[in-house]
Amino acid sequence: MIRLLLAIIGMFLLPFLLYAAFVFVRRRGSFEGNLLEDAPINWLSLAGTILAVGVMASLVSMDIIEYENQQSEPTTSQGKSTPGRSP
């Protein structure tokens, strides 16, 4: 659960961090003022939301695939067929 939460938060903040790095490079390494002062917050938020939803969908689908791969064939015990894992 914590892995999912950290991945979502990290992907949401990634566009903001990349924009701050871009502004830092454009200012030639100067920390004067706020790096996100003139940032397009709406676009950065939209990009972060898209990344976060994509990561969440990817992680959830991988968990579902792993769960389905763990399922086994029905077992036969004393002539009866029982679904799922053997006891």
N, C-alpha and C. Protein backbone atom coordinates (compact mmCIF):
# COMPACT_ATOMS: atom_id res chain seq x y z
N MET A 1 0.82 -1.19 0.00
CA MET A 1 0.00 0.00 0.00
C MET A 1 0.87 1.26 0.00
N ILE A 2 1.93 1.24 0.78
CA ILE A 2 2.81 2.40 0.84
C ILE A 2 3.52 2.60 -0.49
N ARG A 3 3.83 1.50 -1.18
CA ARG A 3 4.48 1.58 -2.49
C ARG A 3 3.56 2.31 -3.47
N LEU A 4 2.29 1.98 -3.45
CA LEU A 4 1.33 2.63 -4.33
C LEU A 4 1.21 4.11 -4.00
N LEU A 5 1.14 4.44 -2.73
CA LEU A 5 1.01 5.83 -2.31
C LEU A 5 2.24 6.65 -2.70
N LEU A 6 3.43 6.11 -2.46
CA LEU A 6 4.66 6.83 -2.81
C LEU A 6 4.80 7.00 -4.32
N ALA A 7 4.40 6.00 -5.09
CA ALA A 7 4.47 6.09 -6.54
C ALA A 7 3.52 7.15 -7.07
N ILE A 8 2.33 7.22 -6.51
CA ILE A 8 1.36 8.22 -6.96
C ILE A 8 1.82 9.62 -6.61
N ILE A 9 2.30 9.81 -5.39
CA ILE A 9 2.78 11.14 -4.99
C ILE A 9 4.00 11.54 -5.82
N GLY A 10 4.90 10.61 -6.03
CA GLY A 10 6.09 10.90 -6.83
C GLY A 10 5.76 11.27 -8.26
N MET A 11 4.83 10.57 -8.87
CA MET A 11 4.46 10.87 -10.24
C MET A 11 3.69 12.19 -10.34
N PHE A 12 2.92 12.53 -9.31
CA PHE A 12 2.21 13.80 -9.34
C PHE A 12 3.19 14.97 -9.22
N LEU A 13 4.22 14.82 -8.41
CA LEU A 13 5.18 15.90 -8.20
C LEU A 13 6.26 15.98 -9.28
N LEU A 14 6.40 14.95 -10.09
CA LEU A 14 7.45 14.91 -11.11
C LEU A 14 7.40 16.10 -12.08
N PRO A 15 6.26 16.49 -12.63
CA PRO A 15 6.27 17.66 -13.54
C PRO A 15 6.71 18.94 -12.84
N PHE A 16 6.35 19.13 -11.58
CA PHE A 16 6.77 20.31 -10.83
C PHE A 16 8.29 20.32 -10.64
N LEU A 17 8.85 19.17 -10.31
CA LEU A 17 10.30 19.08 -10.13
C LEU A 17 11.05 19.30 -11.44
N LEU A 18 10.53 18.75 -12.53
CA LEU A 18 11.17 18.96 -13.82
C LEU A 18 11.10 20.41 -14.26
N TYR A 19 9.97 21.06 -14.00
CA TYR A 19 9.85 22.47 -14.35
C TYR A 19 10.81 23.32 -13.51
N ALA A 20 10.91 23.02 -12.22
CA ALA A 20 11.84 23.76 -11.36
C ALA A 20 13.28 23.56 -11.83
N ALA A 21 13.63 22.34 -12.25
CA ALA A 21 14.97 22.09 -12.77
C ALA A 21 15.21 22.86 -14.07
N PHE A 22 14.20 22.93 -14.92
CA PHE A 22 14.30 23.67 -16.17
C PHE A 22 14.54 25.16 -15.90
N VAL A 23 13.79 25.73 -14.96
CA VAL A 23 13.96 27.15 -14.62
C VAL A 23 15.33 27.39 -14.00
N PHE A 24 15.79 26.46 -13.18
CA PHE A 24 17.11 26.58 -12.56
C PHE A 24 18.20 26.61 -13.62
N VAL A 25 18.09 25.76 -14.61
CA VAL A 25 19.09 25.73 -15.69
C VAL A 25 19.00 27.00 -16.53
N ARG A 26 17.77 27.47 -16.79
CA ARG A 26 17.61 28.70 -17.58
C ARG A 26 18.20 29.91 -16.86
N ARG A 27 18.15 29.91 -15.53
CA ARG A 27 18.72 31.01 -14.74
C ARG A 27 20.22 30.83 -14.52
N ARG A 28 20.80 29.83 -15.13
CA ARG A 28 22.23 29.52 -15.03
C ARG A 28 22.67 29.24 -13.59
N GLY A 29 21.87 28.46 -12.89
CA GLY A 29 22.23 28.02 -11.54
C GLY A 29 21.95 29.02 -10.44
N SER A 30 21.10 29.97 -10.69
CA SER A 30 20.80 30.99 -9.69
C SER A 30 19.53 30.61 -8.93
N PHE A 31 19.61 30.67 -7.59
CA PHE A 31 18.45 30.38 -6.75
C PHE A 31 17.69 31.64 -6.36
N GLU A 32 17.94 32.75 -7.03
CA GLU A 32 17.26 34.00 -6.68
C GLU A 32 15.78 33.90 -7.03
N GLY A 33 14.94 34.20 -6.06
CA GLY A 33 13.50 34.14 -6.28
C GLY A 33 12.96 32.72 -6.22
N ASN A 34 11.68 32.62 -6.46
CA ASN A 34 10.98 31.34 -6.43
C ASN A 34 11.08 30.67 -7.80
N LEU A 35 11.47 29.41 -7.83
CA LEU A 35 11.61 28.71 -9.10
C LEU A 35 10.25 28.44 -9.76
N LEU A 36 9.19 28.35 -8.96
CA LEU A 36 7.86 28.07 -9.50
C LEU A 36 6.98 29.31 -9.53
N GLU A 37 7.60 30.48 -9.51
CA GLU A 37 6.84 31.73 -9.43
C GLU A 37 5.91 31.92 -10.64
N ASP A 38 6.40 31.76 -11.83
CA ASP A 38 5.59 31.94 -13.04
C ASP A 38 5.22 30.61 -13.69
N ALA A 39 5.15 29.57 -12.90
CA ALA A 39 4.88 28.24 -13.43
C ALA A 39 3.43 28.11 -13.89
N PRO A 40 3.22 27.33 -14.96
CA PRO A 40 1.85 27.05 -15.40
C PRO A 40 1.25 25.94 -14.51
N ILE A 41 0.76 26.32 -13.34
CA ILE A 41 0.33 25.36 -12.33
C ILE A 41 -0.77 24.43 -12.85
N ASN A 42 -1.71 24.97 -13.64
CA ASN A 42 -2.79 24.13 -14.16
C ASN A 42 -2.26 23.01 -15.04
N TRP A 43 -1.34 23.35 -15.93
CA TRP A 43 -0.79 22.34 -16.83
C TRP A 43 0.09 21.34 -16.09
N LEU A 44 0.85 21.82 -15.13
CA LEU A 44 1.68 20.90 -14.33
C LEU A 44 0.81 19.96 -13.51
N SER A 45 -0.28 20.49 -12.96
CA SER A 45 -1.21 19.64 -12.18
C SER A 45 -1.88 18.61 -13.08
N LEU A 46 -2.28 19.01 -14.27
CA LEU A 46 -2.89 18.08 -15.21
C LEU A 46 -1.91 16.97 -15.60
N ALA A 47 -0.68 17.35 -15.91
CA ALA A 47 0.33 16.35 -16.27
C ALA A 47 0.62 15.41 -15.11
N GLY A 48 0.70 15.96 -13.89
CA GLY A 48 0.93 15.12 -12.72
C GLY A 48 -0.22 14.17 -12.46
N THR A 49 -1.44 14.64 -12.66
CA THR A 49 -2.61 13.78 -12.46
C THR A 49 -2.63 12.65 -13.47
N ILE A 50 -2.32 12.96 -14.72
CA ILE A 50 -2.28 11.92 -15.75
C ILE A 50 -1.21 10.88 -15.43
N LEU A 51 -0.04 11.33 -15.01
CA LEU A 51 1.03 10.39 -14.64
C LEU A 51 0.62 9.54 -13.43
N ALA A 52 0.02 10.16 -12.42
CA ALA A 52 -0.38 9.44 -11.22
C ALA A 52 -1.45 8.39 -11.52
N VAL A 53 -2.43 8.75 -12.33
CA VAL A 53 -3.49 7.79 -12.69
C VAL A 53 -2.91 6.65 -13.52
N GLY A 54 -1.99 6.98 -14.42
CA GLY A 54 -1.35 5.94 -15.22
C GLY A 54 -0.54 4.96 -14.38
N VAL A 55 0.20 5.48 -13.42
CA VAL A 55 0.99 4.61 -12.54
C VAL A 55 0.06 3.77 -11.67
N MET A 56 -1.01 4.37 -11.17
CA MET A 56 -1.94 3.62 -10.34
C MET A 56 -2.59 2.49 -11.14
N ALA A 57 -3.00 2.77 -12.36
CA ALA A 57 -3.60 1.74 -13.21
C ALA A 57 -2.59 0.64 -13.53
N SER A 58 -1.36 1.02 -13.77
CA SER A 58 -0.32 0.04 -14.07
C SER A 58 -0.04 -0.87 -12.88
N LEU A 59 0.11 -0.28 -11.70
CA LEU A 59 0.40 -1.08 -10.51
C LEU A 59 -0.77 -1.98 -10.15
N VAL A 60 -1.99 -1.49 -10.27
CA VAL A 60 -3.16 -2.30 -9.95
C VAL A 60 -3.29 -3.45 -10.94
N SER A 61 -3.08 -3.17 -12.23
CA SER A 61 -3.20 -4.24 -13.22
C SER A 61 -2.11 -5.30 -13.02
N MET A 62 -0.89 -4.88 -12.62
CA MET A 62 0.16 -5.86 -12.36
C MET A 62 -0.20 -6.73 -11.15
N ASP A 63 -0.81 -6.13 -10.13
CA ASP A 63 -1.23 -6.92 -8.97
C ASP A 63 -2.31 -7.91 -9.35
N ILE A 64 -3.24 -7.52 -10.21
CA ILE A 64 -4.30 -8.42 -10.65
C ILE A 64 -3.71 -9.57 -11.46
N ILE A 65 -2.77 -9.26 -12.35
CA ILE A 65 -2.15 -10.31 -13.16
C ILE A 65 -1.38 -11.29 -12.28
N GLU A 66 -0.64 -10.78 -11.28
CA GLU A 66 0.10 -11.66 -10.37
C GLU A 66 -0.86 -12.55 -9.59
N TYR A 67 -1.99 -12.00 -9.16
CA TYR A 67 -2.98 -12.79 -8.40
C TYR A 67 -3.57 -13.88 -9.29
N GLU A 68 -3.89 -13.54 -10.53
CA GLU A 68 -4.47 -14.53 -11.43
C GLU A 68 -3.47 -15.62 -11.78
N ASN A 69 -2.21 -15.30 -11.85
CA ASN A 69 -1.19 -16.30 -12.15
C ASN A 69 -0.98 -17.25 -10.97
N GLN A 70 -1.30 -16.82 -9.77
CA GLN A 70 -1.15 -17.67 -8.60
C GLN A 70 -2.28 -18.69 -8.49
N GLN A 71 -3.38 -18.47 -9.15
CA GLN A 71 -4.50 -19.41 -9.11
C GLN A 71 -4.07 -20.71 -9.79
N SER A 72 -4.51 -21.82 -9.24
CA SER A 72 -4.12 -23.11 -9.81
C SER A 72 -5.34 -23.82 -10.38
N GLU A 73 -5.06 -24.90 -11.04
CA GLU A 73 -6.12 -25.73 -11.62
C GLU A 73 -6.92 -26.42 -10.51
N PRO A 74 -8.14 -26.81 -10.80
CA PRO A 74 -8.92 -27.55 -9.79
C PRO A 74 -8.20 -28.84 -9.40
N THR A 75 -8.28 -29.19 -8.13
CA THR A 75 -7.61 -30.39 -7.65
C THR A 75 -8.61 -31.54 -7.53
N THR A 76 -8.08 -32.73 -7.62
CA THR A 76 -8.92 -33.92 -7.49
C THR A 76 -8.55 -34.61 -6.20
N SER A 77 -9.53 -34.80 -5.32
CA SER A 77 -9.30 -35.44 -4.04
C SER A 77 -10.34 -36.54 -3.86
N GLN A 78 -9.91 -37.79 -3.86
CA GLN A 78 -10.77 -38.96 -3.70
C GLN A 78 -11.90 -38.96 -4.72
N GLY A 79 -11.56 -38.64 -5.96
CA GLY A 79 -12.53 -38.72 -7.03
C GLY A 79 -13.39 -37.48 -7.19
N LYS A 80 -13.33 -36.55 -6.25
CA LYS A 80 -14.12 -35.33 -6.37
C LYS A 80 -13.23 -34.20 -6.87
N SER A 81 -13.81 -33.35 -7.67
CA SER A 81 -13.08 -32.21 -8.19
C SER A 81 -13.44 -30.98 -7.35
N THR A 82 -12.40 -30.34 -6.77
CA THR A 82 -12.64 -29.14 -5.98
C THR A 82 -11.91 -27.98 -6.64
N PRO A 83 -12.55 -26.83 -6.72
CA PRO A 83 -11.89 -25.70 -7.37
C PRO A 83 -10.82 -25.07 -6.49
N GLY A 84 -9.86 -24.40 -7.13
CA GLY A 84 -8.86 -23.65 -6.38
C GLY A 84 -7.66 -24.46 -5.97
N ARG A 85 -7.03 -24.01 -4.91
CA ARG A 85 -5.79 -24.63 -4.45
C ARG A 85 -6.07 -25.89 -3.65
N SER A 86 -5.06 -26.76 -3.61
CA SER A 86 -5.23 -28.01 -2.85
C SER A 86 -4.97 -27.74 -1.37
N PRO A 87 -5.60 -28.48 -0.49
CA PRO A 87 -5.41 -28.25 0.96
C PRO A 87 -4.06 -28.62 1.45
